[in-house]
C-alpha cells in the first residue's frame, strides 16, 4: 500500500515541476517592437553629448557667436566620427539658427524657419550648412513627405533628426 502512495506523490511532484517550468519559461518570452538598436543608442548618446556641450558653453559665458562655433564644431565632429546614415542638426537661438545636414542618400530635404519651406539642395555623401532667422517659435524640417516640428525655447536650442537605412527599411529618430 505504501508503494502506491509513493508513486502518486512522485507523479504529482514531477507534474508540478513541469507546470512551474512551463510557466517560468512563458514569463520570460516577450516580443519587443522591431527597432534598430544602433540608431536608438546614437539618439541617446547625442542627446547627452549635445546637452553637455551646450551646458559647457553656457557655463563659460559664451556669446551667441561663440556658442554657434562650439555647436558647429561639435556637430561636424559627430558627423565625421559617429554618424551612420543621414543627420540633420538644428541649433541656435530664436534670433538665429544654423542647420547642418549630412545626407547618405538622395532624399528631398527642406527647412521652414517660419516663412515657408526652403529646399536645402543636398547632395548624397556631402555635408552642408545653412543659416536662418526664425520668424516664429516653431521650425520644421521636411524629409521627403515627412515633416518634423521643433519648438524653439528662449535660450540655446539643439535639435536633430537621424535617419539610418538597412534591409528592413529606414529608421528615423528625433531629439
Protein backbone atom coordinates (compact mmCIF):
# COMPACT_ATOMS: atom_id res chain seq x y z
CA UNK A 1 0.00 0.00 0.00
CA UNK A 2 2.85 2.41 0.84
CA UNK A 3 4.47 1.99 -2.56
CA UNK A 4 1.33 3.02 -4.43
CA UNK A 5 1.10 6.21 -2.36
CA UNK A 6 4.74 6.99 -3.06
CA UNK A 7 4.11 6.55 -6.80
CA UNK A 8 1.25 9.08 -6.76
CA UNK A 9 3.30 11.50 -4.68
CA UNK A 10 6.27 11.24 -7.04
CA UNK A 11 3.98 11.71 -10.08
CA UNK A 12 2.42 14.82 -8.51
CA UNK A 13 5.85 16.33 -7.79
CA UNK A 14 7.01 15.70 -11.38
CA UNK A 15 3.83 17.24 -12.87
CA UNK A 16 4.09 20.27 -10.57
CA UNK A 17 7.73 20.75 -11.59
CA UNK A 18 6.82 20.60 -15.30
CA UNK A 19 3.97 23.11 -14.88
CA UNK A 20 6.16 25.54 -12.94
CA UNK A 21 8.89 25.17 -15.58
CA UNK A 22 6.47 25.97 -18.42
CA UNK A 23 5.04 28.95 -16.52
CA UNK A 24 8.52 30.32 -15.84
CA UNK A 25 9.64 29.99 -19.46
CA UNK A 26 6.46 31.64 -20.75
CA UNK A 27 7.03 34.60 -18.41
CA UNK A 28 10.45 35.23 -19.93
CA UNK A 29 9.33 35.10 -23.57
CA UNK A 30 8.33 38.56 -24.65
CA UNK A 31 8.13 40.18 -28.01
CA UNK A 32 9.89 43.50 -28.46
CA UNK A 33 8.98 46.04 -31.12
CA UNK A 34 11.14 45.91 -34.22
CA UNK A 35 13.63 48.75 -33.80
CA UNK A 36 17.16 49.48 -34.76
CA UNK A 37 19.18 49.49 -31.54
CA UNK A 38 22.15 51.30 -33.11
CA UNK A 39 20.15 54.39 -34.05
CA UNK A 40 18.43 54.47 -30.65
CA UNK A 41 21.84 54.33 -28.95
CA UNK A 42 23.04 57.14 -31.24
CA UNK A 43 20.00 59.23 -30.26
CA UNK A 44 20.59 58.75 -26.54
CA UNK A 45 24.31 59.46 -26.86
CA UNK A 46 23.74 62.57 -28.98
CA UNK A 47 21.15 63.95 -26.56
CA UNK A 48 23.58 63.62 -23.65
CA UNK A 49 26.62 64.97 -25.52
CA UNK A 50 24.78 67.92 -27.09
CA UNK A 51 23.32 68.85 -23.71
CA UNK A 52 26.76 68.67 -22.09
CA UNK A 53 28.27 70.77 -24.89
CA UNK A 54 25.53 73.39 -24.60
CA UNK A 55 25.94 73.46 -20.81
CA UNK A 56 29.70 73.92 -21.21
CA UNK A 57 29.24 76.94 -23.48
CA UNK A 58 26.65 78.44 -21.16
CA UNK A 59 28.82 77.92 -18.06
CA UNK A 60 31.79 79.52 -19.84
CA UNK A 61 29.67 82.60 -20.64
CA UNK A 62 29.88 82.17 -24.43
CA UNK A 63 28.09 84.77 -26.53
CA UNK A 64 25.87 83.72 -29.47
CA UNK A 65 28.74 83.63 -31.99
CA UNK A 66 30.98 81.57 -29.70
CA UNK A 67 28.14 79.18 -28.90
CA UNK A 68 27.35 78.75 -32.58
CA UNK A 69 31.01 77.99 -33.28
CA UNK A 70 31.13 75.48 -30.40
CA UNK A 71 27.99 73.66 -31.59
CA UNK A 72 29.15 73.75 -35.22
CA UNK A 73 32.43 72.07 -34.25
CA UNK A 74 30.60 69.54 -32.08
CA UNK A 75 28.15 68.69 -34.88
CA UNK A 76 30.84 68.41 -37.56
CA UNK A 77 32.88 66.11 -35.30
CA UNK A 78 29.80 63.98 -34.65
CA UNK A 79 29.16 63.72 -38.40
CA UNK A 80 32.81 62.90 -39.12
CA UNK A 81 33.33 60.25 -36.44
CA UNK A 82 29.99 58.85 -35.23
CA UNK A 83 27.17 59.38 -37.73
CA UNK A 84 25.94 56.27 -39.51
CA UNK A 85 23.37 57.30 -42.10
CA UNK A 86 21.93 60.77 -42.58
CA UNK A 87 21.72 63.51 -39.98
CA UNK A 88 20.04 66.90 -39.86
CA UNK A 89 21.03 69.19 -36.99
CA UNK A 90 19.28 72.43 -36.00
CA UNK A 91 20.80 74.67 -33.35
CA UNK A 92 20.99 78.26 -32.19
CA UNK A 93 18.70 80.79 -30.57
CA UNK A 94 15.38 82.30 -31.69
CA UNK A 95 17.38 85.15 -33.22
CA UNK A 96 19.45 82.86 -35.47
CA UNK A 97 19.55 79.17 -36.32
CA UNK A 98 22.08 77.03 -38.14
CA UNK A 99 21.14 73.85 -39.98
CA UNK A 100 23.91 71.35 -40.70
CA UNK A 101 22.89 68.44 -42.89
CA UNK A 102 24.71 65.29 -43.90
CA UNK A 103 22.93 63.01 -46.31
CA UNK A 104 23.81 59.44 -47.30
CA UNK A 105 21.02 59.16 -49.85
CA UNK A 106 19.06 61.32 -52.29
CA UNK A 107 16.22 62.47 -50.06
CA UNK A 108 14.43 65.75 -50.74
CA UNK A 109 15.06 67.94 -47.66
CA UNK A 110 13.63 71.38 -46.91
CA UNK A 111 13.59 73.63 -43.84
CA UNK A 112 10.96 76.07 -42.60
CA UNK A 113 12.01 78.80 -40.16
CA UNK A 114 8.53 80.32 -40.19
CA UNK A 115 8.28 81.93 -43.63
CA UNK A 116 7.85 78.81 -45.79
CA UNK A 117 9.92 75.81 -46.76
CA UNK A 118 13.32 76.33 -48.37
CA UNK A 119 14.91 73.43 -50.25
CA UNK A 120 18.35 72.63 -48.80
CA UNK A 121 19.66 71.25 -52.16
CA UNK A 122 21.71 68.46 -50.59
CA UNK A 123 23.96 66.10 -52.48
CA UNK A 124 24.43 62.49 -51.45
CA UNK A 125 27.54 61.96 -49.31
CA UNK A 126 28.12 65.64 -48.54
CA UNK A 127 27.65 67.95 -45.57
CA UNK A 128 26.13 71.42 -45.95
CA UNK A 129 25.44 74.36 -43.67
CA UNK A 130 22.68 76.98 -43.90
CA UNK A 131 21.76 79.84 -41.56
CA UNK A 132 18.19 81.02 -40.94
CA UNK A 133 16.43 83.71 -38.94
CA UNK A 134 13.24 82.27 -37.45
CA UNK A 135 10.06 84.32 -37.66
CA UNK A 136 8.17 82.32 -35.03
CA UNK A 137 8.67 79.85 -32.22
CA UNK A 138 8.29 76.70 -34.33
CA UNK A 139 10.64 75.43 -37.01
CA UNK A 140 10.35 72.30 -39.10
CA UNK A 141 12.38 70.11 -41.38
CA UNK A 142 10.75 68.05 -44.10
CA UNK A 143 12.47 64.90 -45.36
CA UNK A 144 10.65 63.59 -48.42
CA UNK A 145 6.98 63.73 -47.35
CA UNK A 146 7.59 63.58 -43.57
CA UNK A 147 7.69 66.77 -41.50
CA UNK A 148 9.36 67.10 -38.08
CA UNK A 149 8.42 70.08 -35.88
CA UNK A 150 10.58 71.64 -33.17
CA UNK A 151 9.57 74.29 -30.64
CA UNK A 152 12.23 76.92 -30.00
CA UNK A 153 13.00 77.77 -26.40
CA UNK A 154 14.12 81.25 -25.34
CA UNK A 155 17.72 80.12 -24.84
CA UNK A 156 20.02 77.83 -26.78
CA UNK A 157 18.40 75.06 -28.83
CA UNK A 158 19.84 71.84 -30.27
CA UNK A 159 17.62 69.50 -32.28
CA UNK A 160 18.36 66.66 -34.67
CA UNK A 161 16.84 64.09 -36.98
CA UNK A 162 18.86 60.93 -37.61
CA UNK A 163 17.97 58.51 -40.42
CA UNK A 164 19.53 55.12 -40.99
CA UNK A 165 18.63 52.74 -43.81
CA UNK A 166 19.05 48.99 -43.70
CA UNK A 167 17.39 45.94 -45.24
CA UNK A 168 14.25 46.36 -43.09
CA UNK A 169 13.66 49.97 -44.15
CA UNK A 170 14.56 53.41 -42.84
CA UNK A 171 14.72 54.11 -39.12
CA UNK A 172 14.31 57.72 -38.01
CA UNK A 173 14.79 59.22 -34.55
CA UNK A 174 14.48 62.82 -33.41
CA UNK A 175 15.53 64.74 -30.36
